[in-house]
C-alpha atoms as a PDB file:
ATOM      1  CA  MET A   1     -17.710  55.471 -17.753  1.00  0.00           C
ATOM      2  CA  GLN A   2     -17.638  52.446 -20.019  1.00  0.00           C
ATOM      3  CA  THR A   3     -20.914  50.752 -20.904  1.00  0.00           C
ATOM      4  CA  ALA A   4     -20.929  47.099 -19.933  1.00  0.00           C
ATOM      5  CA  HIS A   5     -23.470  44.584 -21.131  1.00  0.00           C
ATOM      6  CA  VAL A   6     -23.746  42.003 -18.384  1.00  0.00           C
ATOM      7  CA  HIS A   7     -26.252  39.200 -17.988  1.00  0.00           C
ATOM      8  CA  LEU A   8     -26.134  37.432 -14.635  1.00  0.00           C
ATOM      9  CA  GLU A   9     -27.276  34.100 -16.056  1.00  0.00           C
ATOM     10  CA  THR A  10     -24.306  33.967 -18.446  1.00  0.00           C
ATOM     11  CA  MET A  11     -21.651  34.510 -15.796  1.00  0.00           C
ATOM     12  CA  GLU A  12     -20.344  30.967 -15.689  1.00  0.00           C
ATOM     13  CA  ASN A  13     -17.555  31.147 -13.157  1.00  0.00           C
ATOM     14  CA  PRO A  14     -16.713  33.482 -10.273  1.00  0.00           C
ATOM     15  CA  GLN A  15     -13.834  35.138 -12.137  1.00  0.00           C
ATOM     16  CA  ASN A  16     -16.200  36.210 -14.923  1.00  0.00           C
ATOM     17  CA  ARG A  17     -18.607  37.516 -12.296  1.00  0.00           C
ATOM     18  CA  ILE A  18     -15.838  39.534 -10.653  1.00  0.00           C
ATOM     19  CA  ASN A  19     -14.698  41.052 -13.955  1.00  0.00           C
ATOM     20  CA  ASN A  20     -18.237  41.924 -15.034  1.00  0.00           C
ATOM     21  CA  LEU A  21     -19.107  43.497 -11.686  1.00  0.00           C
ATOM     22  CA  ILE A  22     -15.927  45.578 -11.846  1.00  0.00           C
ATOM     23  CA  LYS A  23     -16.985  46.755 -15.329  1.00  0.00           C
ATOM     24  CA  LEU A  24     -20.254  47.915 -13.749  1.00  0.00           C
ATOM     25  CA  GLY A  25     -18.362  50.043 -11.227  1.00  0.00           C
ATOM     26  CA  VAL A  26     -18.250  47.745  -8.187  1.00  0.00           C
ATOM     27  CA  ASP A  27     -14.993  47.747  -6.233  1.00  0.00           C
ATOM     28  CA  LYS A  28     -12.818  44.628  -6.418  1.00  0.00           C
ATOM     29  CA  ASP A  29     -13.364  43.355  -2.865  1.00  0.00           C
ATOM     30  CA  THR A  30     -17.146  43.685  -3.009  1.00  0.00           C
ATOM     31  CA  ALA A  31     -17.186  42.069  -6.445  1.00  0.00           C
ATOM     32  CA  ARG A  32     -15.182  39.130  -5.097  1.00  0.00           C
ATOM     33  CA  ILE A  33     -17.528  38.645  -2.127  1.00  0.00           C
ATOM     34  CA  THR A  34     -20.592  38.809  -4.378  1.00  0.00           C
ATOM     35  CA  ALA A  35     -19.111  36.536  -7.044  1.00  0.00           C
ATOM     36  CA  TYR A  36     -18.339  33.710  -4.639  1.00  0.00           C
ATOM     37  CA  THR A  37     -21.875  33.458  -3.202  1.00  0.00           C
ATOM     38  CA  GLY A  38     -22.616  30.577  -5.560  1.00  0.00           C
ATOM     39  CA  ASN A  39     -25.212  30.244  -8.270  1.00  0.00           C
ATOM     40  CA  ARG A  40     -28.071  31.591  -6.191  1.00  0.00           C
ATOM     41  CA  ILE A  41     -29.198  34.252  -8.647  1.00  0.00           C
ATOM     42  CA  ALA A  42     -32.117  35.439  -6.490  1.00  0.00           C
ATOM     43  CA  TYR A  43     -29.752  36.002  -3.544  1.00  0.00           C
ATOM     44  CA  VAL A  44     -27.189  37.824  -5.660  1.00  0.00           C
ATOM     45  CA  CYS A  45     -29.844  40.062  -7.243  1.00  0.00           C
ATOM     46  CA  GLN A  46     -31.128  41.112  -3.821  1.00  0.00           C
ATOM     47  CA  ARG A  47     -27.692  42.258  -2.703  1.00  0.00           C
ATOM     48  CA  ARG A  48     -27.147  45.975  -2.263  1.00  0.00           C
ATOM     49  CA  VAL A  49     -24.187  45.862  -4.627  1.00  0.00           C
ATOM     50  CA  MET A  50     -26.475  44.838  -7.492  1.00  0.00           C
ATOM     51  CA  ASN A  51     -28.815  47.736  -6.765  1.00  0.00           C
ATOM     52  CA  PHE A  52     -25.772  50.007  -7.020  1.00  0.00           C
ATOM     53  CA  ALA A  53     -24.378  48.382 -10.164  1.00  0.00           C
ATOM     54  CA  ILE A  54     -27.633  48.069 -12.086  1.00  0.00           C
ATOM     55  CA  ASN A  55     -29.628  51.167 -11.224  1.00  0.00           C
ATOM     56  CA  LYS A  56     -32.559  52.937 -12.897  1.00  0.00           C
ATOM     57  CA  GLU A  57     -30.349  55.299 -14.899  1.00  0.00           C
ATOM     58  CA  ARG A  58     -28.311  52.442 -16.367  1.00  0.00           C
ATOM     59  CA  LEU A  59     -31.456  50.511 -17.296  1.00  0.00           C
ATOM     60  CA  THR A  60     -32.843  53.643 -18.977  1.00  0.00           C
ATOM     61  CA  ARG A  61     -29.639  53.967 -21.031  1.00  0.00           C
ATOM     62  CA  PHE A  62     -30.122  50.349 -22.143  1.00  0.00           C
ATOM     63  CA  GLY A  63     -33.585  51.318 -23.415  1.00  0.00           C
ATOM     64  CA  LEU A  64     -35.725  49.873 -20.611  1.00  0.00           C
ATOM     65  CA  VAL A  65     -38.540  52.038 -19.287  1.00  0.00           C
ATOM     66  CA  SER A  66     -39.594  52.114 -15.641  1.00  0.00           C
ATOM     67  CA  MET A  67     -43.194  51.026 -15.156  1.00  0.00           C
ATOM     68  CA  LEU A  68     -43.772  53.994 -12.846  1.00  0.00           C
ATOM     69  CA  ASP A  69     -42.412  56.436 -15.422  1.00  0.00           C
ATOM     70  CA  TYR A  70     -44.527  54.823 -18.135  1.00  0.00           C
ATOM     71  CA  TYR A  71     -47.654  55.007 -16.000  1.00  0.00           C
ATOM     72  CA  THR A  72     -47.153  58.608 -14.938  1.00  0.00           C
ATOM     73  CA  GLU A  73     -46.399  59.688 -18.510  1.00  0.00           C
ATOM     74  CA  ARG A  74     -49.307  57.855 -20.150  1.00  0.00           C
ATOM     75  CA  CYS A  75     -52.078  57.437 -17.590  1.00  0.00           C
ATOM     76  CA  VAL A  76     -51.925  60.144 -14.946  1.00  0.00           C
ATOM     77  CA  THR A  77     -53.829  63.287 -15.831  1.00  0.00           C
ATOM     78  CA  CYS A  78     -53.752  66.305 -13.592  1.00  0.00           C
END
C-alpha cells in the first residue's frame, strides 16, 4: 500500500479531498460523499470513513504515539 501524507485542512476543493481519500484506501463513492460535505472539518473527522482511513496503525507509521500506549509503557507497573 502506498503511503499518503494527507492533511484535512489543506484539502482546498472536493476533488482534492476525493483523490486524497482514495490514496488512503477509501472507495471512490464513499470518498465522493465525504468530500462534498462542505468545509465542516469536525463533521468530516467524526465520519466512520475517516476512522477507517486514518487508523492507529497508520498514525504509528507516521511516528505518532498513542497516549494509551505511552502510558502503559512508561507508567504502569505490574
